mmCIF file of all heavy atoms, coordinates in Angstrom:
data_MODEL
# 
_entry.id   MODEL 
# 
loop_
_atom_site.group_PDB 
_atom_site.id 
_atom_site.type_symbol 
_atom_site.label_atom_id 
_atom_site.label_alt_id 
_atom_site.label_comp_id 
_atom_site.label_asym_id 
_atom_site.label_entity_id 
_atom_site.label_seq_id 
_atom_site.pdbx_PDB_ins_code 
_atom_site.Cartn_x 
_atom_site.Cartn_y 
_atom_site.Cartn_z 
_atom_site.occupancy 
_atom_site.B_iso_or_equiv 
_atom_site.pdbx_formal_charge 
_atom_site.auth_seq_id 
_atom_site.auth_comp_id 
_atom_site.auth_asym_id 
_atom_site.auth_atom_id 
_atom_site.pdbx_PDB_model_num 
ATOM 1   N N   . GLU A 1 1  ? 0.846  -1.192 0.000  1.00 0.00 ? 1  GLU A N   1 
ATOM 2   C CA  . GLU A 1 1  ? 0.000  0.000  0.000  1.00 0.00 ? 1  GLU A CA  1 
ATOM 3   C C   . GLU A 1 1  ? 0.882  1.243  0.000  1.00 0.00 ? 1  GLU A C   1 
ATOM 4   O O   . GLU A 1 1  ? 1.790  1.368  0.825  1.00 0.00 ? 1  GLU A O   1 
ATOM 5   C CB  . GLU A 1 1  ? -0.910 0.010  1.233  1.00 0.00 ? 1  GLU A CB  1 
ATOM 6   C CG  . GLU A 1 1  ? -1.818 -1.205 1.345  1.00 0.00 ? 1  GLU A CG  1 
ATOM 7   C CD  . GLU A 1 1  ? -2.813 -1.275 0.197  1.00 0.00 ? 1  GLU A CD  1 
ATOM 8   O OE1 . GLU A 1 1  ? -3.245 -0.196 -0.280 1.00 0.00 ? 1  GLU A OE1 1 
ATOM 9   O OE2 . GLU A 1 1  ? -3.160 -2.384 -0.233 1.00 0.00 ? 1  GLU A OE2 1 
ATOM 10  N N   . LEU A 1 2  ? 0.609  2.164  -0.921 1.00 0.00 ? 2  LEU A N   1 
ATOM 11  C CA  . LEU A 1 2  ? 1.457  3.342  -1.081 1.00 0.00 ? 2  LEU A CA  1 
ATOM 12  C C   . LEU A 1 2  ? 0.769  4.608  -0.603 1.00 0.00 ? 2  LEU A C   1 
ATOM 13  O O   . LEU A 1 2  ? -0.459 4.737  -0.700 1.00 0.00 ? 2  LEU A O   1 
ATOM 14  C CB  . LEU A 1 2  ? 1.857  3.502  -2.554 1.00 0.00 ? 2  LEU A CB  1 
ATOM 15  C CG  . LEU A 1 2  ? 2.581  2.317  -3.207 1.00 0.00 ? 2  LEU A CG  1 
ATOM 16  C CD1 . LEU A 1 2  ? 2.936  2.653  -4.645 1.00 0.00 ? 2  LEU A CD1 1 
ATOM 17  C CD2 . LEU A 1 2  ? 3.835  1.919  -2.422 1.00 0.00 ? 2  LEU A CD2 1 
ATOM 18  N N   . THR A 1 3  ? 1.570  5.525  -0.088 1.00 0.00 ? 3  THR A N   1 
ATOM 19  C CA  . THR A 1 3  ? 1.102  6.846  0.320  1.00 0.00 ? 3  THR A CA  1 
ATOM 20  C C   . THR A 1 3  ? 1.682  7.877  -0.638 1.00 0.00 ? 3  THR A C   1 
ATOM 21  O O   . THR A 1 3  ? 2.846  7.791  -1.021 1.00 0.00 ? 3  THR A O   1 
ATOM 22  C CB  . THR A 1 3  ? 1.563  7.159  1.759  1.00 0.00 ? 3  THR A CB  1 
ATOM 23  O OG1 . THR A 1 3  ? 0.962  6.217  2.647  1.00 0.00 ? 3  THR A OG1 1 
ATOM 24  C CG2 . THR A 1 3  ? 1.147  8.562  2.162  1.00 0.00 ? 3  THR A CG2 1 
ATOM 25  N N   . SER A 1 4  ? 0.867  8.840  -1.025 1.00 0.00 ? 4  SER A N   1 
ATOM 26  C CA  . SER A 1 4  ? 1.321  9.893  -1.942 1.00 0.00 ? 4  SER A CA  1 
ATOM 27  C C   . SER A 1 4  ? 1.808  11.101 -1.153 1.00 0.00 ? 4  SER A C   1 
ATOM 28  O O   . SER A 1 4  ? 1.274  11.425 -0.092 1.00 0.00 ? 4  SER A O   1 
ATOM 29  C CB  . SER A 1 4  ? 0.184  10.315 -2.884 1.00 0.00 ? 4  SER A CB  1 
ATOM 30  O OG  . SER A 1 4  ? -0.211 9.229  -3.696 1.00 0.00 ? 4  SER A OG  1 
ATOM 31  N N   . TRP A 1 5  ? 2.820  11.760 -1.683 1.00 0.00 ? 5  TRP A N   1 
ATOM 32  C CA  . TRP A 1 5  ? 3.347  12.974 -1.067 1.00 0.00 ? 5  TRP A CA  1 
ATOM 33  C C   . TRP A 1 5  ? 3.522  14.035 -2.136 1.00 0.00 ? 5  TRP A C   1 
ATOM 34  O O   . TRP A 1 5  ? 4.115  13.794 -3.186 1.00 0.00 ? 5  TRP A O   1 
ATOM 35  C CB  . TRP A 1 5  ? 4.692  12.701 -0.386 1.00 0.00 ? 5  TRP A CB  1 
ATOM 36  C CG  . TRP A 1 5  ? 5.369  13.952 0.090  1.00 0.00 ? 5  TRP A CG  1 
ATOM 37  C CD1 . TRP A 1 5  ? 6.382  14.638 -0.525 1.00 0.00 ? 5  TRP A CD1 1 
ATOM 38  C CD2 . TRP A 1 5  ? 5.050  14.684 1.271  1.00 0.00 ? 5  TRP A CD2 1 
ATOM 39  N NE1 . TRP A 1 5  ? 6.728  15.740 0.206  1.00 0.00 ? 5  TRP A NE1 1 
ATOM 40  C CE2 . TRP A 1 5  ? 5.924  15.803 1.320  1.00 0.00 ? 5  TRP A CE2 1 
ATOM 41  C CE3 . TRP A 1 5  ? 4.120  14.517 2.297  1.00 0.00 ? 5  TRP A CE3 1 
ATOM 42  C CZ2 . TRP A 1 5  ? 5.882  16.732 2.351  1.00 0.00 ? 5  TRP A CZ2 1 
ATOM 43  C CZ3 . TRP A 1 5  ? 4.090  15.454 3.332  1.00 0.00 ? 5  TRP A CZ3 1 
ATOM 44  C CH2 . TRP A 1 5  ? 4.961  16.535 3.346  1.00 0.00 ? 5  TRP A CH2 1 
ATOM 45  N N   . GLU A 1 6  ? 2.980  15.225 -1.881 1.00 0.00 ? 6  GLU A N   1 
ATOM 46  C CA  . GLU A 1 6  ? 3.145  16.369 -2.776 1.00 0.00 ? 6  GLU A CA  1 
ATOM 47  C C   . GLU A 1 6  ? 3.974  17.406 -2.051 1.00 0.00 ? 6  GLU A C   1 
ATOM 48  O O   . GLU A 1 6  ? 3.568  17.914 -1.000 1.00 0.00 ? 6  GLU A O   1 
ATOM 49  C CB  . GLU A 1 6  ? 1.780  16.942 -3.170 1.00 0.00 ? 6  GLU A CB  1 
ATOM 50  C CG  . GLU A 1 6  ? 1.881  18.102 -4.149 1.00 0.00 ? 6  GLU A CG  1 
ATOM 51  C CD  . GLU A 1 6  ? 0.521  18.576 -4.644 1.00 0.00 ? 6  GLU A CD  1 
ATOM 52  O OE1 . GLU A 1 6  ? -0.448 17.795 -4.554 1.00 0.00 ? 6  GLU A OE1 1 
ATOM 53  O OE2 . GLU A 1 6  ? 0.442  19.729 -5.109 1.00 0.00 ? 6  GLU A OE2 1 
ATOM 54  N N   . ASP A 1 7  ? 5.132  17.683 -2.587 1.00 0.00 ? 7  ASP A N   1 
ATOM 55  C CA  . ASP A 1 7  ? 6.068  18.567 -1.891 1.00 0.00 ? 7  ASP A CA  1 
ATOM 56  C C   . ASP A 1 7  ? 5.976  19.997 -2.405 1.00 0.00 ? 7  ASP A C   1 
ATOM 57  O O   . ASP A 1 7  ? 5.843  20.220 -3.614 1.00 0.00 ? 7  ASP A O   1 
ATOM 58  C CB  . ASP A 1 7  ? 7.499  18.051 -2.088 1.00 0.00 ? 7  ASP A CB  1 
ATOM 59  C CG  . ASP A 1 7  ? 8.443  18.631 -1.059 1.00 0.00 ? 7  ASP A CG  1 
ATOM 60  O OD1 . ASP A 1 7  ? 8.596  18.023 0.019  1.00 0.00 ? 7  ASP A OD1 1 
ATOM 61  O OD2 . ASP A 1 7  ? 9.026  19.710 -1.328 1.00 0.00 ? 7  ASP A OD2 1 
ATOM 62  N N   . PRO A 1 8  ? 6.040  20.967 -1.506 1.00 0.00 ? 8  PRO A N   1 
ATOM 63  C CA  . PRO A 1 8  ? 5.987  22.371 -1.938 1.00 0.00 ? 8  PRO A CA  1 
ATOM 64  C C   . PRO A 1 8  ? 7.147  22.785 -2.831 1.00 0.00 ? 8  PRO A C   1 
ATOM 65  O O   . PRO A 1 8  ? 7.075  23.817 -3.503 1.00 0.00 ? 8  PRO A O   1 
ATOM 66  C CB  . PRO A 1 8  ? 5.995  23.146 -0.611 1.00 0.00 ? 8  PRO A CB  1 
ATOM 67  C CG  . PRO A 1 8  ? 6.535  22.195 0.410  1.00 0.00 ? 8  PRO A CG  1 
ATOM 68  C CD  . PRO A 1 8  ? 6.088  20.850 -0.036 1.00 0.00 ? 8  PRO A CD  1 
ATOM 69  N N   . ALA A 1 9  ? 8.218  21.978 -2.843 1.00 0.00 ? 9  ALA A N   1 
ATOM 70  C CA  . ALA A 1 9  ? 9.354  22.300 -3.721 1.00 0.00 ? 9  ALA A CA  1 
ATOM 71  C C   . ALA A 1 9  ? 9.003  22.083 -5.192 1.00 0.00 ? 9  ALA A C   1 
ATOM 72  O O   . ALA A 1 9  ? 9.732  22.542 -6.067 1.00 0.00 ? 9  ALA A O   1 
ATOM 73  C CB  . ALA A 1 9  ? 10.566 21.459 -3.343 1.00 0.00 ? 9  ALA A CB  1 
ATOM 74  N N   . GLY A 1 10 ? 7.910  21.349 -5.467 1.00 0.00 ? 10 GLY A N   1 
ATOM 75  C CA  . GLY A 1 10 ? 7.479  21.190 -6.852 1.00 0.00 ? 10 GLY A CA  1 
ATOM 76  C C   . GLY A 1 10 ? 7.554  19.788 -7.408 1.00 0.00 ? 10 GLY A C   1 
ATOM 77  O O   . GLY A 1 10 ? 7.804  19.610 -8.594 1.00 0.00 ? 10 GLY A O   1 
ATOM 78  N N   . PHE A 1 11 ? 7.341  18.770 -6.567 1.00 0.00 ? 11 PHE A N   1 
ATOM 79  C CA  . PHE A 1 11 ? 7.349  17.395 -7.066 1.00 0.00 ? 11 PHE A CA  1 
ATOM 80  C C   . PHE A 1 11 ? 6.392  16.538 -6.238 1.00 0.00 ? 11 PHE A C   1 
ATOM 81  O O   . PHE A 1 11 ? 5.964  16.924 -5.136 1.00 0.00 ? 11 PHE A O   1 
ATOM 82  C CB  . PHE A 1 11 ? 8.756  16.789 -7.007 1.00 0.00 ? 11 PHE A CB  1 
ATOM 83  C CG  . PHE A 1 11 ? 9.306  16.619 -5.612 1.00 0.00 ? 11 PHE A CG  1 
ATOM 84  C CD1 . PHE A 1 11 ? 9.109  15.435 -4.911 1.00 0.00 ? 11 PHE A CD1 1 
ATOM 85  C CD2 . PHE A 1 11 ? 10.023 17.637 -4.998 1.00 0.00 ? 11 PHE A CD2 1 
ATOM 86  C CE1 . PHE A 1 11 ? 9.608  15.273 -3.623 1.00 0.00 ? 11 PHE A CE1 1 
ATOM 87  C CE2 . PHE A 1 11 ? 10.528 17.480 -3.718 1.00 0.00 ? 11 PHE A CE2 1 
ATOM 88  C CZ  . PHE A 1 11 ? 10.319 16.295 -3.028 1.00 0.00 ? 11 PHE A CZ  1 
ATOM 89  N N   . THR A 1 12 ? 6.056  15.397 -6.789 1.00 0.00 ? 12 THR A N   1 
ATOM 90  C CA  . THR A 1 12 ? 5.227  14.424 -6.082 1.00 0.00 ? 12 THR A CA  1 
ATOM 91  C C   . THR A 1 12 ? 5.933  13.070 -6.115 1.00 0.00 ? 12 THR A C   1 
ATOM 92  O O   . THR A 1 12 ? 6.754  12.806 -6.999 1.00 0.00 ? 12 THR A O   1 
ATOM 93  C CB  . THR A 1 12 ? 3.828  14.283 -6.715 1.00 0.00 ? 12 THR A CB  1 
ATOM 94  O OG1 . THR A 1 12 ? 3.985  13.833 -8.070 1.00 0.00 ? 12 THR A OG1 1 
ATOM 95  C CG2 . THR A 1 12 ? 3.087  15.615 -6.702 1.00 0.00 ? 12 THR A CG2 1 
ATOM 96  N N   . LEU A 1 13 ? 5.589  12.227 -5.156 1.00 0.00 ? 13 LEU A N   1 
ATOM 97  C CA  . LEU A 1 13 ? 6.126  10.864 -5.146 1.00 0.00 ? 13 LEU A CA  1 
ATOM 98  C C   . LEU A 1 13 ? 5.193  9.976  -4.337 1.00 0.00 ? 13 LEU A C   1 
ATOM 99  O O   . LEU A 1 13 ? 4.247  10.453 -3.701 1.00 0.00 ? 13 LEU A O   1 
ATOM 100 C CB  . LEU A 1 13 ? 7.554  10.834 -4.576 1.00 0.00 ? 13 LEU A CB  1 
ATOM 101 C CG  . LEU A 1 13 ? 7.828  11.411 -3.184 1.00 0.00 ? 13 LEU A CG  1 
ATOM 102 C CD1 . LEU A 1 13 ? 7.369  10.488 -2.056 1.00 0.00 ? 13 LEU A CD1 1 
ATOM 103 C CD2 . LEU A 1 13 ? 9.315  11.693 -3.014 1.00 0.00 ? 13 LEU A CD2 1 
ATOM 104 N N   . GLN A 1 14 ? 5.474  8.684  -4.351 1.00 0.00 ? 14 GLN A N   1 
ATOM 105 C CA  . GLN A 1 14 ? 4.751  7.710  -3.549 1.00 0.00 ? 14 GLN A CA  1 
ATOM 106 C C   . GLN A 1 14 ? 5.753  6.838  -2.802 1.00 0.00 ? 14 GLN A C   1 
ATOM 107 O O   . GLN A 1 14 ? 6.866  6.608  -3.282 1.00 0.00 ? 14 GLN A O   1 
ATOM 108 C CB  . GLN A 1 14 ? 3.844  6.841  -4.422 1.00 0.00 ? 14 GLN A CB  1 
ATOM 109 C CG  . GLN A 1 14 ? 2.640  7.586  -4.996 1.00 0.00 ? 14 GLN A CG  1 
ATOM 110 C CD  . GLN A 1 14 ? 1.734  6.664  -5.798 1.00 0.00 ? 14 GLN A CD  1 
ATOM 111 O OE1 . GLN A 1 14 ? 2.187  5.982  -6.705 1.00 0.00 ? 14 GLN A OE1 1 
ATOM 112 N NE2 . GLN A 1 14 ? 0.468  6.636  -5.447 1.00 0.00 ? 14 GLN A NE2 1 
ATOM 113 N N   . TYR A 1 15 ? 5.314  6.348  -1.632 1.00 0.00 ? 15 TYR A N   1 
ATOM 114 C CA  . TYR A 1 15 ? 6.198  5.498  -0.824 1.00 0.00 ? 15 TYR A CA  1 
ATOM 115 C C   . TYR A 1 15 ? 5.353  4.506  -0.031 1.00 0.00 ? 15 TYR A C   1 
ATOM 116 O O   . TYR A 1 15 ? 4.167  4.764  0.233  1.00 0.00 ? 15 TYR A O   1 
ATOM 117 C CB  . TYR A 1 15 ? 7.057  6.350  0.105  1.00 0.00 ? 15 TYR A CB  1 
ATOM 118 C CG  . TYR A 1 15 ? 6.284  7.166  1.129  1.00 0.00 ? 15 TYR A CG  1 
ATOM 119 C CD1 . TYR A 1 15 ? 6.048  6.669  2.422  1.00 0.00 ? 15 TYR A CD1 1 
ATOM 120 C CD2 . TYR A 1 15 ? 5.790  8.429  0.825  1.00 0.00 ? 15 TYR A CD2 1 
ATOM 121 C CE1 . TYR A 1 15 ? 5.351  7.400  3.355  1.00 0.00 ? 15 TYR A CE1 1 
ATOM 122 C CE2 . TYR A 1 15 ? 5.086  9.177  1.756  1.00 0.00 ? 15 TYR A CE2 1 
ATOM 123 C CZ  . TYR A 1 15 ? 4.875  8.662  3.022  1.00 0.00 ? 15 TYR A CZ  1 
ATOM 124 O OH  . TYR A 1 15 ? 4.173  9.400  3.953  1.00 0.00 ? 15 TYR A OH  1 
ATOM 125 N N   . PRO A 1 16 ? 5.917  3.361  0.365  1.00 0.00 ? 16 PRO A N   1 
ATOM 126 C CA  . PRO A 1 16 ? 5.169  2.360  1.125  1.00 0.00 ? 16 PRO A CA  1 
ATOM 127 C C   . PRO A 1 16 ? 4.659  2.916  2.464  1.00 0.00 ? 16 PRO A C   1 
ATOM 128 O O   . PRO A 1 16 ? 5.355  3.675  3.135  1.00 0.00 ? 16 PRO A O   1 
ATOM 129 C CB  . PRO A 1 16 ? 6.193  1.241  1.359  1.00 0.00 ? 16 PRO A CB  1 
ATOM 130 C CG  . PRO A 1 16 ? 7.139  1.373  0.208  1.00 0.00 ? 16 PRO A CG  1 
ATOM 131 C CD  . PRO A 1 16 ? 7.249  2.846  -0.033 1.00 0.00 ? 16 PRO A CD  1 
ATOM 132 N N   . GLN A 1 17 ? 3.446  2.508  2.842  1.00 0.00 ? 17 GLN A N   1 
ATOM 133 C CA  . GLN A 1 17 ? 2.796  3.056  4.031  1.00 0.00 ? 17 GLN A CA  1 
ATOM 134 C C   . GLN A 1 17 ? 3.525  2.728  5.331  1.00 0.00 ? 17 GLN A C   1 
ATOM 135 O O   . GLN A 1 17 ? 3.376  3.443  6.322  1.00 0.00 ? 17 GLN A O   1 
ATOM 136 C CB  . GLN A 1 17 ? 1.350  2.552  4.129  1.00 0.00 ? 17 GLN A CB  1 
ATOM 137 C CG  . GLN A 1 17 ? 0.394  3.240  3.173  1.00 0.00 ? 17 GLN A CG  1 
ATOM 138 C CD  . GLN A 1 17 ? -1.035 2.805  3.394  1.00 0.00 ? 17 GLN A CD  1 
ATOM 139 O OE1 . GLN A 1 17 ? -1.315 1.927  4.217  1.00 0.00 ? 17 GLN A OE1 1 
ATOM 140 N NE2 . GLN A 1 17 ? -1.959 3.391  2.652  1.00 0.00 ? 17 GLN A NE2 1 
ATOM 141 N N   . ASN A 1 18 ? 4.293  1.636  5.361  1.00 0.00 ? 18 ASN A N   1 
ATOM 142 C CA  . ASN A 1 18 ? 4.934  1.260  6.619  1.00 0.00 ? 18 ASN A CA  1 
ATOM 143 C C   . ASN A 1 18 ? 6.288  1.944  6.833  1.00 0.00 ? 18 ASN A C   1 
ATOM 144 O O   . ASN A 1 18 ? 7.075  1.515  7.668  1.00 0.00 ? 18 ASN A O   1 
ATOM 145 C CB  . ASN A 1 18 ? 5.089  -0.261 6.736  1.00 0.00 ? 18 ASN A CB  1 
ATOM 146 C CG  . ASN A 1 18 ? 5.923  -0.863 5.609  1.00 0.00 ? 18 ASN A CG  1 
ATOM 147 O OD1 . ASN A 1 18 ? 6.118  -0.235 4.565  1.00 0.00 ? 18 ASN A OD1 1 
ATOM 148 N ND2 . ASN A 1 18 ? 6.406  -2.075 5.808  1.00 0.00 ? 18 ASN A ND2 1 
ATOM 149 N N   . LEU A 1 19 ? 6.535  3.014  6.079  1.00 0.00 ? 19 LEU A N   1 
ATOM 150 C CA  . LEU A 1 19 ? 7.736  3.815  6.300  1.00 0.00 ? 19 LEU A CA  1 
ATOM 151 C C   . LEU A 1 19 ? 7.401  5.046  7.129  1.00 0.00 ? 19 LEU A C   1 
ATOM 152 O O   . LEU A 1 19 ? 6.258  5.502  7.161  1.00 0.00 ? 19 LEU A O   1 
ATOM 153 C CB  . LEU A 1 19 ? 8.342  4.265  4.970  1.00 0.00 ? 19 LEU A CB  1 
ATOM 154 C CG  . LEU A 1 19 ? 8.847  3.190  4.015  1.00 0.00 ? 19 LEU A CG  1 
ATOM 155 C CD1 . LEU A 1 19 ? 9.479  3.850  2.801  1.00 0.00 ? 19 LEU A CD1 1 
ATOM 156 C CD2 . LEU A 1 19 ? 9.838  2.258  4.697  1.00 0.00 ? 19 LEU A CD2 1 
ATOM 157 N N   . THR A 1 20 ? 8.411  5.585  7.790  1.00 0.00 ? 20 THR A N   1 
ATOM 158 C CA  . THR A 1 20 ? 8.269  6.834  8.526  1.00 0.00 ? 20 THR A CA  1 
ATOM 159 C C   . THR A 1 20 ? 8.903  7.951  7.708  1.00 0.00 ? 20 THR A C   1 
ATOM 160 O O   . THR A 1 20 ? 10.028 7.815  7.231  1.00 0.00 ? 20 THR A O   1 
ATOM 161 C CB  . THR A 1 20 ? 8.963  6.742  9.899  1.00 0.00 ? 20 THR A CB  1 
ATOM 162 O OG1 . THR A 1 20 ? 8.348  5.697  10.663 1.00 0.00 ? 20 THR A OG1 1 
ATOM 163 C CG2 . THR A 1 20 ? 8.830  8.048  10.656 1.00 0.00 ? 20 THR A CG2 1 
ATOM 164 N N   . LEU A 1 21 ? 8.171  9.049  7.542  1.00 0.00 ? 21 LEU A N   1 
ATOM 165 C CA  . LEU A 1 21 ? 8.667  10.190 6.774  1.00 0.00 ? 21 LEU A CA  1 
ATOM 166 C C   . LEU A 1 21 ? 9.052  11.325 7.713  1.00 0.00 ? 21 LEU A C   1 
ATOM 167 O O   . LEU A 1 21 ? 8.240  11.803 8.496  1.00 0.00 ? 21 LEU A O   1 
ATOM 168 C CB  . LEU A 1 21 ? 7.597  10.667 5.788  1.00 0.00 ? 21 LEU A CB  1 
ATOM 169 C CG  . LEU A 1 21 ? 7.871  12.010 5.080  1.00 0.00 ? 21 LEU A CG  1 
ATOM 170 C CD1 . LEU A 1 21 ? 9.168  11.964 4.291  1.00 0.00 ? 21 LEU A CD1 1 
ATOM 171 C CD2 . LEU A 1 21 ? 6.698  12.386 4.185  1.00 0.00 ? 21 LEU A CD2 1 
ATOM 172 N N   . ASN A 1 22 ? 10.311 11.742 7.619  1.00 0.00 ? 22 ASN A N   1 
ATOM 173 C CA  . ASN A 1 22 ? 10.797 12.913 8.349  1.00 0.00 ? 22 ASN A CA  1 
ATOM 174 C C   . ASN A 1 22 ? 11.049 14.016 7.324  1.00 0.00 ? 22 ASN A C   1 
ATOM 175 O O   . ASN A 1 22 ? 11.919 13.890 6.465  1.00 0.00 ? 22 ASN A O   1 
ATOM 176 C CB  . ASN A 1 22 ? 12.086 12.576 9.104  1.00 0.00 ? 22 ASN A CB  1 
ATOM 177 C CG  . ASN A 1 22 ? 12.582 13.741 9.955  1.00 0.00 ? 22 ASN A CG  1 
ATOM 178 O OD1 . ASN A 1 22 ? 12.115 14.873 9.824  1.00 0.00 ? 22 ASN A OD1 1 
ATOM 179 N ND2 . ASN A 1 22 ? 13.540 13.471 10.826 1.00 0.00 ? 22 ASN A ND2 1 
ATOM 180 N N   . LYS A 1 23 ? 10.293 15.105 7.416  1.00 0.00 ? 23 LYS A N   1 
ATOM 181 C CA  . LYS A 1 23 ? 10.385 16.184 6.422  1.00 0.00 ? 23 LYS A CA  1 
ATOM 182 C C   . LYS A 1 23 ? 11.544 17.151 6.723  1.00 0.00 ? 23 LYS A C   1 
ATOM 183 O O   . LYS A 1 23 ? 11.807 18.048 5.930  1.00 0.00 ? 23 LYS A O   1 
ATOM 184 C CB  . LYS A 1 23 ? 9.053  16.945 6.367  1.00 0.00 ? 23 LYS A CB  1 
ATOM 185 C CG  . LYS A 1 23 ? 7.883  16.073 5.940  1.00 0.00 ? 23 LYS A CG  1 
ATOM 186 C CD  . LYS A 1 23 ? 6.591  16.861 5.825  1.00 0.00 ? 23 LYS A CD  1 
ATOM 187 C CE  . LYS A 1 23 ? 5.998  17.206 7.185  1.00 0.00 ? 23 LYS A CE  1 
ATOM 188 N NZ  . LYS A 1 23 ? 5.531  16.012 7.919  1.00 0.00 ? 23 LYS A NZ  1 
ATOM 189 N N   . HIS A 1 24 ? 12.201 16.979 7.842  1.00 0.00 ? 24 HIS A N   1 
ATOM 190 C CA  . HIS A 1 24 ? 13.346 17.814 8.237  1.00 0.00 ? 24 HIS A CA  1 
ATOM 191 C C   . HIS A 1 24 ? 13.049 19.294 8.033  1.00 0.00 ? 24 HIS A C   1 
ATOM 192 O O   . HIS A 1 24 ? 13.773 20.018 7.327  1.00 0.00 ? 24 HIS A O   1 
ATOM 193 C CB  . HIS A 1 24 ? 14.607 17.411 7.462  1.00 0.00 ? 24 HIS A CB  1 
ATOM 194 C CG  . HIS A 1 24 ? 15.221 16.140 7.953  1.00 0.00 ? 24 HIS A CG  1 
ATOM 195 N ND1 . HIS A 1 24 ? 15.964 16.064 9.116  1.00 0.00 ? 24 HIS A ND1 1 
ATOM 196 C CD2 . HIS A 1 24 ? 15.182 14.869 7.454  1.00 0.00 ? 24 HIS A CD2 1 
ATOM 197 C CE1 . HIS A 1 24 ? 16.375 14.822 9.302  1.00 0.00 ? 24 HIS A CE1 1 
ATOM 198 N NE2 . HIS A 1 24 ? 15.914 14.071 8.315  1.00 0.00 ? 24 HIS A NE2 1 
# 
């Protein structure tokens, strides 16, 4: 299962749901 991410820098991506995202 993938989660979508839209970044204000101007790109989008997807990543597996069981990961932790640190936006720093």
